[in-house]
Amino acid sequence: MNPIGLAPSEIINQPRPVPLVAGAIVCCHVFGVIEHSGIYVGDDCIVELQGTGLIRPISMARFLQGRTGEYIFVATNSIGQILVEPRAIDAAIAAIYHYRHYHLLNDNCHRFVWYCLSGQQRRVIDFDELNLLLAQRFGHAIEWRRMDTSAAS
């Protein structure tokens, strides 16, 4: 199974952005080469692992600030339903203001997202590996769709 049914780079001109819901897995482009991921916990707040190792809550606008992407993408199934793992909200919130030993390959934002979803501390090298894990967990290829920031709950 191909873990990515629709990559973020393929849907810039998506006709209808999807509304965001708490517990969703989100990503954005960084320097046109890699993706950065986090967990949307509601009220315009994404929890991310910053490159300094700090886990922090930030607004959707701040999630994009200083990165090259213009859009936030959300993980969905093939018919556009947002993939939500309820435990991810509590795990992400509980981790806020804690530090990790950030490393681009060994302890990165994708590993943090996987931990929030699964409770497993495992190495997740890159966005492709995160997609493979997500596809296995949810049972189908992941489609990344542009998020409708005006309808976030």
C-alpha atoms as a PDB file:
ATOM      1  CA  MET A   1       0.000   0.000   0.000  1.00  0.00           C
ATOM      2  CA  ASN A   2       1.259   3.460  -0.883  1.00  0.00           C
ATOM      3  CA  PRO A   3       0.988   5.361   2.428  1.00  0.00           C
ATOM      4  CA  ILE A   4       0.325   8.729   0.774  1.00  0.00           C
ATOM      5  CA  GLY A   5      -2.753   8.977  -1.400  1.00  0.00           C
ATOM      6  CA  LEU A   6      -2.400  12.734  -1.821  1.00  0.00           C
ATOM      7  CA  ALA A   7       0.715  14.624  -0.721  1.00  0.00           C
ATOM      8  CA  PRO A   8       0.621  18.241   0.499  1.00  0.00           C
ATOM      9  CA  SER A   9       2.426  19.426  -2.639  1.00  0.00           C
ATOM     10  CA  GLU A  10      -0.286  17.973  -4.869  1.00  0.00           C
ATOM     11  CA  ILE A  11      -3.198  19.952  -3.513  1.00  0.00           C
ATOM     12  CA  ILE A  12      -2.221  23.589  -3.371  1.00  0.00           C
ATOM     13  CA  ASN A  13      -5.134  24.428  -5.674  1.00  0.00           C
ATOM     14  CA  GLN A  14      -7.631  22.201  -3.916  1.00  0.00           C
ATOM     15  CA  PRO A  15     -11.095  23.614  -4.662  1.00  0.00           C
ATOM     16  CA  ARG A  16     -12.561  23.289  -1.168  1.00  0.00           C
ATOM     17  CA  PRO A  17     -10.407  23.339   1.969  1.00  0.00           C
ATOM     18  CA  VAL A  18     -11.500  21.032   4.785  1.00  0.00           C
ATOM     19  CA  PRO A  19     -12.553  22.377   8.208  1.00  0.00           C
ATOM     20  CA  LEU A  20     -10.218  21.496  11.045  1.00  0.00           C
ATOM     21  CA  VAL A  21     -11.233  19.570  14.170  1.00  0.00           C
ATOM     22  CA  ALA A  22      -9.414  19.028  17.458  1.00  0.00           C
ATOM     23  CA  GLY A  23      -7.171  15.976  17.445  1.00  0.00           C
ATOM     24  CA  ALA A  24      -6.228  16.372  13.782  1.00  0.00           C
ATOM     25  CA  ILE A  25      -2.718  15.799  12.476  1.00  0.00           C
ATOM     26  CA  VAL A  26      -1.416  18.861  10.639  1.00  0.00           C
ATOM     27  CA  CYS A  27       1.643  19.759   8.594  1.00  0.00           C
ATOM     28  CA  CYS A  28       3.180  22.580   6.598  1.00  0.00           C
ATOM     29  CA  HIS A  29       6.079  22.954   4.179  1.00  0.00           C
ATOM     30  CA  VAL A  30       9.488  24.066   5.392  1.00  0.00           C
ATOM     31  CA  PHE A  31      11.893  25.444   2.794  1.00  0.00           C
ATOM     32  CA  GLY A  32      10.103  23.502   0.056  1.00  0.00           C
ATOM     33  CA  VAL A  33      11.950  20.301   0.941  1.00  0.00           C
ATOM     34  CA  ILE A  34      10.542  18.894   4.165  1.00  0.00           C
ATOM     35  CA  GLU A  35       7.324  19.020   6.129  1.00  0.00           C
ATOM     36  CA  HIS A  36       6.765  20.027   9.748  1.00  0.00           C
ATOM     37  CA  SER A  37       3.972  18.309  11.693  1.00  0.00           C
ATOM     38  CA  GLY A  38       1.946  18.923  14.835  1.00  0.00           C
ATOM     39  CA  ILE A  39      -1.353  18.194  16.576  1.00  0.00           C
ATOM     40  CA  TYR A  40      -4.280  20.626  16.379  1.00  0.00           C
ATOM     41  CA  VAL A  41      -5.884  20.772  19.847  1.00  0.00           C
ATOM     42  CA  GLY A  42      -8.637  23.329  19.174  1.00  0.00           C
ATOM     43  CA  ASP A  43      -9.130  27.064  19.684  1.00  0.00           C
ATOM     44  CA  ASP A  44      -6.599  28.071  16.988  1.00  0.00           C
ATOM     45  CA  CYS A  45      -3.878  26.080  18.792  1.00  0.00           C
ATOM     46  CA  ILE A  46      -1.372  23.602  17.380  1.00  0.00           C
ATOM     47  CA  VAL A  47       1.057  21.782  19.664  1.00  0.00           C
ATOM     48  CA  GLU A  48       4.450  21.298  18.028  1.00  0.00           C
ATOM     49  CA  LEU A  49       7.951  20.182  18.861  1.00  0.00           C
ATOM     50  CA  GLN A  50      10.146  23.157  18.070  1.00  0.00           C
ATOM     51  CA  GLY A  51      13.720  22.726  16.801  1.00  0.00           C
ATOM     52  CA  THR A  52      15.015  23.836  20.203  1.00  0.00           C
ATOM     53  CA  GLY A  53      13.368  20.794  21.799  1.00  0.00           C
ATOM     54  CA  LEU A  54      10.563  22.810  23.406  1.00  0.00           C
ATOM     55  CA  ILE A  55       7.045  21.441  22.988  1.00  0.00           C
ATOM     56  CA  ARG A  56       4.816  24.464  22.703  1.00  0.00           C
ATOM     57  CA  PRO A  57       1.295  25.592  21.865  1.00  0.00           C
ATOM     58  CA  ILE A  58       1.157  28.065  18.984  1.00  0.00           C
ATOM     59  CA  SER A  59      -1.484  29.683  16.823  1.00  0.00           C
ATOM     60  CA  MET A  60      -2.093  28.493  13.297  1.00  0.00           C
ATOM     61  CA  ALA A  61      -0.547  31.720  11.985  1.00  0.00           C
ATOM     62  CA  ARG A  62       2.586  31.134  14.090  1.00  0.00           C
ATOM     63  CA  PHE A  63       2.788  27.521  12.830  1.00  0.00           C
ATOM     64  CA  LEU A  64       3.438  28.960   9.357  1.00  0.00           C
ATOM     65  CA  GLN A  65       5.560  31.932  10.434  1.00  0.00           C
ATOM     66  CA  GLY A  66       9.206  31.633   9.448  1.00  0.00           C
ATOM     67  CA  ARG A  67       8.470  28.655   7.211  1.00  0.00           C
ATOM     68  CA  THR A  68       8.073  28.722   3.466  1.00  0.00           C
ATOM     69  CA  GLY A  69       4.627  27.163   3.243  1.00  0.00           C
ATOM     70  CA  GLU A  70       1.501  29.253   2.857  1.00  0.00           C
ATOM     71  CA  TYR A  71      -0.964  26.581   3.944  1.00  0.00           C
ATOM     72  CA  ILE A  72      -1.584  24.154   6.745  1.00  0.00           C
ATOM     73  CA  PHE A  73      -2.556  20.669   5.613  1.00  0.00           C
ATOM     74  CA  VAL A  74      -4.565  18.115   7.548  1.00  0.00           C
ATOM     75  CA  ALA A  75      -4.446  14.313   7.299  1.00  0.00           C
ATOM     76  CA  THR A  76      -7.638  12.815   5.856  1.00  0.00           C
ATOM     77  CA  ASN A  77      -8.885   9.611   4.280  1.00  0.00           C
ATOM     78  CA  SER A  78      -9.679   9.364   0.562  1.00  0.00           C
ATOM     79  CA  ILE A  79     -13.097  11.017   0.909  1.00  0.00           C
ATOM     80  CA  GLY A  80     -11.795  13.968   2.888  1.00  0.00           C
ATOM     81  CA  GLN A  81     -12.729  12.876   6.418  1.00  0.00           C
ATOM     82  CA  ILE A  82     -10.196  14.211   8.900  1.00  0.00           C
ATOM     83  CA  LEU A  83      -8.308  11.508  10.752  1.00  0.00           C
ATOM     84  CA  VAL A  84      -8.607  12.118  14.479  1.00  0.00           C
ATOM     85  CA  GLU A  85      -7.121  10.245  17.388  1.00  0.00           C
ATOM     86  CA  PRO A  86      -8.805  11.556  20.570  1.00  0.00           C
ATOM     87  CA  ARG A  87      -5.891  10.540  22.830  1.00  0.00           C
ATOM     88  CA  ALA A  88      -3.616  12.815  20.791  1.00  0.00           C
ATOM     89  CA  ILE A  89      -5.235  15.939  22.248  1.00  0.00           C
ATOM     90  CA  ASP A  90      -4.542  14.958  25.865  1.00  0.00           C
ATOM     91  CA  ALA A  91      -1.046  13.682  25.062  1.00  0.00           C
ATOM     92  CA  ALA A  92      -0.114  16.871  23.199  1.00  0.00           C
ATOM     93  CA  ILE A  93      -1.486  19.143  25.930  1.00  0.00           C
ATOM     94  CA  ALA A  94       0.258  17.138  28.668  1.00  0.00           C
ATOM     95  CA  ALA A  95       3.586  17.576  26.845  1.00  0.00           C
ATOM     96  CA  ILE A  96       3.379  21.385  26.569  1.00  0.00           C
ATOM     97  CA  TYR A  97       6.452  23.202  27.926  1.00  0.00           C
ATOM     98  CA  HIS A  98       8.428  19.998  28.305  1.00  0.00           C
ATOM     99  CA  TYR A  99      11.720  19.593  26.486  1.00  0.00           C
ATOM    100  CA  ARG A 100      12.976  16.757  24.316  1.00  0.00           C
ATOM    101  CA  HIS A 101      16.481  16.225  22.975  1.00  0.00           C
ATOM    102  CA  TYR A 102      15.607  17.430  19.481  1.00  0.00           C
ATOM    103  CA  HIS A 103      17.457  15.793  16.616  1.00  0.00           C
ATOM    104  CA  LEU A 104      16.448  16.127  12.944  1.00  0.00           C
ATOM    105  CA  LEU A 105      16.404  12.347  12.398  1.00  0.00           C
ATOM    106  CA  ASN A 106      16.124  10.756  15.835  1.00  0.00           C
ATOM    107  CA  ASP A 107      13.749  12.964  17.833  1.00  0.00           C
ATOM    108  CA  ASN A 108      11.850  15.307  15.550  1.00  0.00           C
ATOM    109  CA  CYS A 109       8.330  16.718  15.142  1.00  0.00           C
ATOM    110  CA  HIS A 110       7.110  13.548  13.393  1.00  0.00           C
ATOM    111  CA  ARG A 111       8.231  11.382  16.303  1.00  0.00           C
ATOM    112  CA  PHE A 112       6.389  13.729  18.664  1.00  0.00           C
ATOM    113  CA  VAL A 113       3.200  13.487  16.581  1.00  0.00           C
ATOM    114  CA  TRP A 114       3.458   9.691  16.476  1.00  0.00           C
ATOM    115  CA  TYR A 115       3.923   9.616  20.251  1.00  0.00           C
ATOM    116  CA  CYS A 116       0.778  11.737  20.746  1.00  0.00           C
ATOM    117  CA  LEU A 117      -1.230   9.405  18.494  1.00  0.00           C
ATOM    118  CA  SER A 118       0.076   6.060  19.673  1.00  0.00           C
ATOM    119  CA  GLY A 119       1.793   6.510  23.026  1.00  0.00           C
ATOM    120  CA  GLN A 120       4.868   4.849  21.482  1.00  0.00           C
ATOM    121  CA  GLN A 121       8.316   6.414  21.681  1.00  0.00           C
ATOM    122  CA  ARG A 122       9.830   5.261  18.415  1.00  0.00           C
ATOM    123  CA  ARG A 123      12.165   6.810  15.924  1.00  0.00           C
ATOM    124  CA  VAL A 124      10.327   8.381  12.981  1.00  0.00           C
ATOM    125  CA  ILE A 125      12.975   9.589  10.579  1.00  0.00           C
ATOM    126  CA  ASP A 126      10.903  11.704   8.219  1.00  0.00           C
ATOM    127  CA  PHE A 127       7.487  12.665   6.857  1.00  0.00           C
ATOM    128  CA  ASP A 128       7.368   9.595   4.598  1.00  0.00           C
ATOM    129  CA  GLU A 129       7.817   7.290   7.587  1.00  0.00           C
ATOM    130  CA  LEU A 130       5.138   9.184   9.532  1.00  0.00           C
ATOM    131  CA  ASN A 131       2.766   8.647   6.603  1.00  0.00           C
ATOM    132  CA  LEU A 132       3.530   4.936   6.557  1.00  0.00           C
ATOM    133  CA  LEU A 133       2.767   4.671  10.280  1.00  0.00           C
ATOM    134  CA  LEU A 134      -0.433   6.704   9.864  1.00  0.00           C
ATOM    135  CA  ALA A 135      -1.570   4.547   6.936  1.00  0.00           C
ATOM    136  CA  GLN A 136      -1.019   1.410   9.015  1.00  0.00           C
ATOM    137  CA  ARG A 137      -2.801   2.866  12.053  1.00  0.00           C
ATOM    138  CA  PHE A 138      -5.843   4.141  10.133  1.00  0.00           C
ATOM    139  CA  GLY A 139      -5.951   1.309   7.588  1.00  0.00           C
ATOM    140  CA  HIS A 140      -5.707   3.329   4.369  1.00  0.00           C
ATOM    141  CA  ALA A 141      -3.565   5.788   2.446  1.00  0.00           C
ATOM    142  CA  ILE A 142      -3.307   9.273   3.903  1.00  0.00           C
ATOM    143  CA  GLU A 143      -4.448  12.280   1.901  1.00  0.00           C
ATOM    144  CA  TRP A 144      -3.190  15.687   2.982  1.00  0.00           C
ATOM    145  CA  ARG A 145      -5.727  18.405   2.277  1.00  0.00           C
ATOM    146  CA  ARG A 146      -5.485  22.135   2.665  1.00  0.00           C
ATOM    147  CA  MET A 147      -7.085  23.252   5.868  1.00  0.00           C
ATOM    148  CA  ASP A 148      -9.853  25.828   6.063  1.00  0.00           C
ATOM    149  CA  THR A 149      -8.479  28.133   8.752  1.00  0.00           C
ATOM    150  CA  SER A 150     -11.710  30.118   8.925  1.00  0.00           C
ATOM    151  CA  ALA A 151     -13.732  27.106  10.128  1.00  0.00           C
ATOM    152  CA  ALA A 152     -11.392  25.669  12.784  1.00  0.00           C
ATOM    153  CA  SER A 153     -13.009  24.447  15.995  1.00  0.00           C
END
